[in-house]
Amino acid sequence: MNLLDRLKSEYLEKLKLVKEQYPTSAKKIEISLSENQSVFALTISEASSICMFFDIEMTLSNILNMIEENE
């Protein structure tokens, strides 16, 4: 499963809001999340953009908290 599939519902909602206001940025975020299976594979630029548009501080803990645990 990729990160987009494991994104918590509250962040999926935020992604929808980003998509309405900033469709190009939302597409880039979706691509970043769908092409990676681990947050550790995200580039700093990708992680920074995700945190900026999701309005969270860019910390490893916050990024990890966006993702559902593997079941």
N, C-alpha and C. Protein backbone atom coordinates (compact mmCIF):
# COMPACT_ATOMS: atom_id res chain seq x y z
N MET A 1 0.83 -1.19 0.00
CA MET A 1 0.00 0.00 0.00
C MET A 1 0.88 1.25 0.00
N ASN A 2 0.46 2.22 -0.77
CA ASN A 2 1.22 3.46 -0.80
C ASN A 2 0.70 4.42 0.29
N LEU A 3 1.39 5.54 0.44
CA LEU A 3 1.03 6.50 1.49
C LEU A 3 -0.35 7.11 1.28
N LEU A 4 -0.72 7.33 0.04
CA LEU A 4 -2.04 7.90 -0.23
C LEU A 4 -3.14 6.95 0.24
N ASP A 5 -2.95 5.66 0.03
CA ASP A 5 -3.93 4.67 0.48
C ASP A 5 -4.02 4.61 2.01
N ARG A 6 -2.94 4.96 2.67
CA ARG A 6 -2.88 4.86 4.13
C ARG A 6 -3.06 6.20 4.84
N LEU A 7 -3.35 7.26 4.08
CA LEU A 7 -3.54 8.57 4.67
C LEU A 7 -4.79 8.56 5.55
N LYS A 8 -4.66 9.08 6.75
CA LYS A 8 -5.80 9.13 7.68
C LYS A 8 -6.91 9.99 7.10
N SER A 9 -8.13 9.69 7.46
CA SER A 9 -9.30 10.35 6.88
C SER A 9 -9.29 11.87 7.07
N GLU A 10 -8.81 12.34 8.19
CA GLU A 10 -8.77 13.79 8.41
C GLU A 10 -7.84 14.48 7.40
N TYR A 11 -6.80 13.78 6.98
CA TYR A 11 -5.88 14.35 6.00
C TYR A 11 -6.40 14.18 4.58
N LEU A 12 -7.20 13.16 4.36
CA LEU A 12 -7.87 13.04 3.06
C LEU A 12 -8.83 14.21 2.87
N GLU A 13 -9.49 14.61 3.95
CA GLU A 13 -10.38 15.77 3.89
C GLU A 13 -9.59 17.05 3.61
N LYS A 14 -8.45 17.19 4.26
CA LYS A 14 -7.61 18.36 4.01
C LYS A 14 -7.13 18.36 2.56
N LEU A 15 -6.82 17.18 2.03
CA LEU A 15 -6.38 17.09 0.65
C LEU A 15 -7.49 17.54 -0.30
N LYS A 16 -8.72 17.20 0.02
CA LYS A 16 -9.85 17.66 -0.80
C LYS A 16 -9.94 19.18 -0.81
N LEU A 17 -9.73 19.79 0.35
CA LEU A 17 -9.77 21.25 0.44
C LEU A 17 -8.63 21.88 -0.34
N VAL A 18 -7.45 21.28 -0.25
CA VAL A 18 -6.30 21.78 -1.01
C VAL A 18 -6.59 21.67 -2.50
N LYS A 19 -7.22 20.56 -2.89
CA LYS A 19 -7.54 20.34 -4.30
C LYS A 19 -8.47 21.42 -4.84
N GLU A 20 -9.39 21.88 -4.02
CA GLU A 20 -10.33 22.92 -4.45
C GLU A 20 -9.62 24.26 -4.65
N GLN A 21 -8.70 24.57 -3.76
CA GLN A 21 -8.03 25.88 -3.81
C GLN A 21 -6.76 25.88 -4.64
N TYR A 22 -6.03 24.78 -4.60
CA TYR A 22 -4.73 24.70 -5.26
C TYR A 22 -4.61 23.36 -6.00
N PRO A 23 -5.31 23.21 -7.12
CA PRO A 23 -5.36 21.91 -7.79
C PRO A 23 -3.99 21.38 -8.24
N THR A 24 -3.11 22.25 -8.68
CA THR A 24 -1.79 21.79 -9.13
C THR A 24 -0.97 21.26 -7.96
N SER A 25 -1.00 21.97 -6.85
CA SER A 25 -0.27 21.53 -5.66
C SER A 25 -0.85 20.24 -5.11
N ALA A 26 -2.16 20.13 -5.11
CA ALA A 26 -2.81 18.91 -4.63
C ALA A 26 -2.40 17.72 -5.49
N LYS A 27 -2.31 17.92 -6.78
CA LYS A 27 -1.90 16.84 -7.69
C LYS A 27 -0.48 16.38 -7.36
N LYS A 28 0.41 17.34 -7.09
CA LYS A 28 1.79 17.00 -6.74
C LYS A 28 1.84 16.22 -5.42
N ILE A 29 1.01 16.63 -4.47
CA ILE A 29 0.96 15.91 -3.19
C ILE A 29 0.44 14.50 -3.41
N GLU A 30 -0.61 14.35 -4.20
CA GLU A 30 -1.15 13.01 -4.49
C GLU A 30 -0.11 12.13 -5.17
N ILE A 31 0.63 12.68 -6.10
CA ILE A 31 1.68 11.91 -6.78
C ILE A 31 2.75 11.48 -5.79
N SER A 32 3.20 12.41 -4.95
CA SER A 32 4.22 12.08 -3.94
C SER A 32 3.75 10.96 -3.03
N LEU A 33 2.51 11.06 -2.57
CA LEU A 33 1.98 10.05 -1.66
C LEU A 33 1.72 8.72 -2.35
N SER A 34 1.31 8.77 -3.59
CA SER A 34 0.99 7.52 -4.29
C SER A 34 2.24 6.80 -4.79
N GLU A 35 3.33 7.51 -4.96
CA GLU A 35 4.56 6.88 -5.46
C GLU A 35 5.47 6.36 -4.35
N ASN A 36 5.09 6.59 -3.10
CA ASN A 36 5.93 6.17 -1.98
C ASN A 36 5.15 5.29 -1.02
N GLN A 37 5.87 4.31 -0.47
CA GLN A 37 5.25 3.40 0.49
C GLN A 37 5.68 3.71 1.92
N SER A 38 6.65 4.60 2.06
CA SER A 38 7.16 4.96 3.38
C SER A 38 7.37 6.47 3.43
N VAL A 39 7.11 7.06 4.58
CA VAL A 39 7.37 8.49 4.73
C VAL A 39 8.86 8.78 4.60
N PHE A 40 9.69 7.80 4.87
CA PHE A 40 11.13 7.98 4.78
C PHE A 40 11.61 8.08 3.34
N ALA A 41 10.76 7.73 2.39
CA ALA A 41 11.10 7.84 0.97
C ALA A 41 10.74 9.21 0.39
N LEU A 42 9.98 9.99 1.13
CA LEU A 42 9.62 11.33 0.67
C LEU A 42 10.86 12.22 0.67
N THR A 43 10.97 13.10 -0.32
CA THR A 43 12.05 14.08 -0.29
C THR A 43 11.70 15.15 0.73
N ILE A 44 12.67 15.94 1.11
CA ILE A 44 12.41 17.04 2.04
C ILE A 44 11.43 18.02 1.41
N SER A 45 11.59 18.26 0.12
CA SER A 45 10.69 19.17 -0.58
C SER A 45 9.25 18.65 -0.58
N GLU A 46 9.08 17.36 -0.83
CA GLU A 46 7.73 16.76 -0.81
C GLU A 46 7.12 16.85 0.58
N ALA A 47 7.89 16.48 1.59
CA ALA A 47 7.39 16.52 2.97
C ALA A 47 7.05 17.95 3.37
N SER A 48 7.88 18.89 2.97
CA SER A 48 7.64 20.29 3.28
C SER A 48 6.34 20.79 2.65
N SER A 49 6.12 20.45 1.39
CA SER A 49 4.89 20.86 0.71
C SER A 49 3.66 20.25 1.35
N ILE A 50 3.74 18.98 1.67
CA ILE A 50 2.62 18.29 2.31
C ILE A 50 2.28 18.98 3.64
N CYS A 51 3.28 19.23 4.45
CA CYS A 51 3.04 19.86 5.75
C CYS A 51 2.51 21.28 5.59
N MET A 52 3.04 22.01 4.63
CA MET A 52 2.59 23.38 4.42
C MET A 52 1.11 23.41 4.04
N PHE A 53 0.71 22.59 3.07
CA PHE A 53 -0.67 22.60 2.62
C PHE A 53 -1.62 21.94 3.61
N PHE A 54 -1.13 21.03 4.45
CA PHE A 54 -1.96 20.42 5.48
C PHE A 54 -1.94 21.24 6.77
N ASP A 55 -1.17 22.34 6.77
CA ASP A 55 -1.09 23.26 7.88
C ASP A 55 -0.64 22.58 9.17
N ILE A 56 0.45 21.82 9.05
CA ILE A 56 1.06 21.20 10.22
C ILE A 56 2.55 21.53 10.22
N GLU A 57 3.14 21.53 11.40
CA GLU A 57 4.57 21.77 11.51
C GLU A 57 5.31 20.58 10.89
N MET A 58 6.39 20.87 10.19
CA MET A 58 7.14 19.80 9.53
C MET A 58 8.08 19.12 10.53
N THR A 59 7.57 18.06 11.12
CA THR A 59 8.38 17.21 12.00
C THR A 59 8.12 15.77 11.56
N LEU A 60 9.08 14.93 11.84
CA LEU A 60 8.91 13.52 11.50
C LEU A 60 7.70 12.94 12.21
N SER A 61 7.50 13.31 13.44
CA SER A 61 6.36 12.81 14.21
C SER A 61 5.04 13.19 13.54
N ASN A 62 4.91 14.44 13.11
CA ASN A 62 3.68 14.88 12.46
C ASN A 62 3.44 14.15 11.14
N ILE A 63 4.51 13.94 10.39
CA ILE A 63 4.38 13.24 9.12
C ILE A 63 3.98 11.78 9.36
N LEU A 64 4.59 11.15 10.32
CA LEU A 64 4.24 9.76 10.65
C LEU A 64 2.80 9.66 11.15
N ASN A 65 2.33 10.66 11.88
CA ASN A 65 0.97 10.65 12.41
C ASN A 65 -0.10 10.81 11.35
N MET A 66 0.26 11.25 10.16
CA MET A 66 -0.71 11.39 9.06
C MET A 66 -1.08 10.03 8.46
N ILE A 67 -0.26 9.04 8.71
CA ILE A 67 -0.38 7.75 8.03
C ILE A 67 -0.91 6.68 8.98
N GLU A 68 -1.88 5.90 8.48
CA GLU A 68 -2.40 4.77 9.24
C GLU A 68 -1.32 3.69 9.33
N GLU A 69 -1.28 3.01 10.45
CA GLU A 69 -0.34 1.91 10.62
C GLU A 69 -0.71 0.77 9.67
N ASN A 70 0.31 0.02 9.25
CA ASN A 70 0.03 -1.18 8.43
C ASN A 70 -0.75 -2.18 9.26
N GLU A 71 -1.70 -2.78 8.62
CA GLU A 71 -2.52 -3.78 9.33
C GLU A 71 -2.07 -5.17 8.99
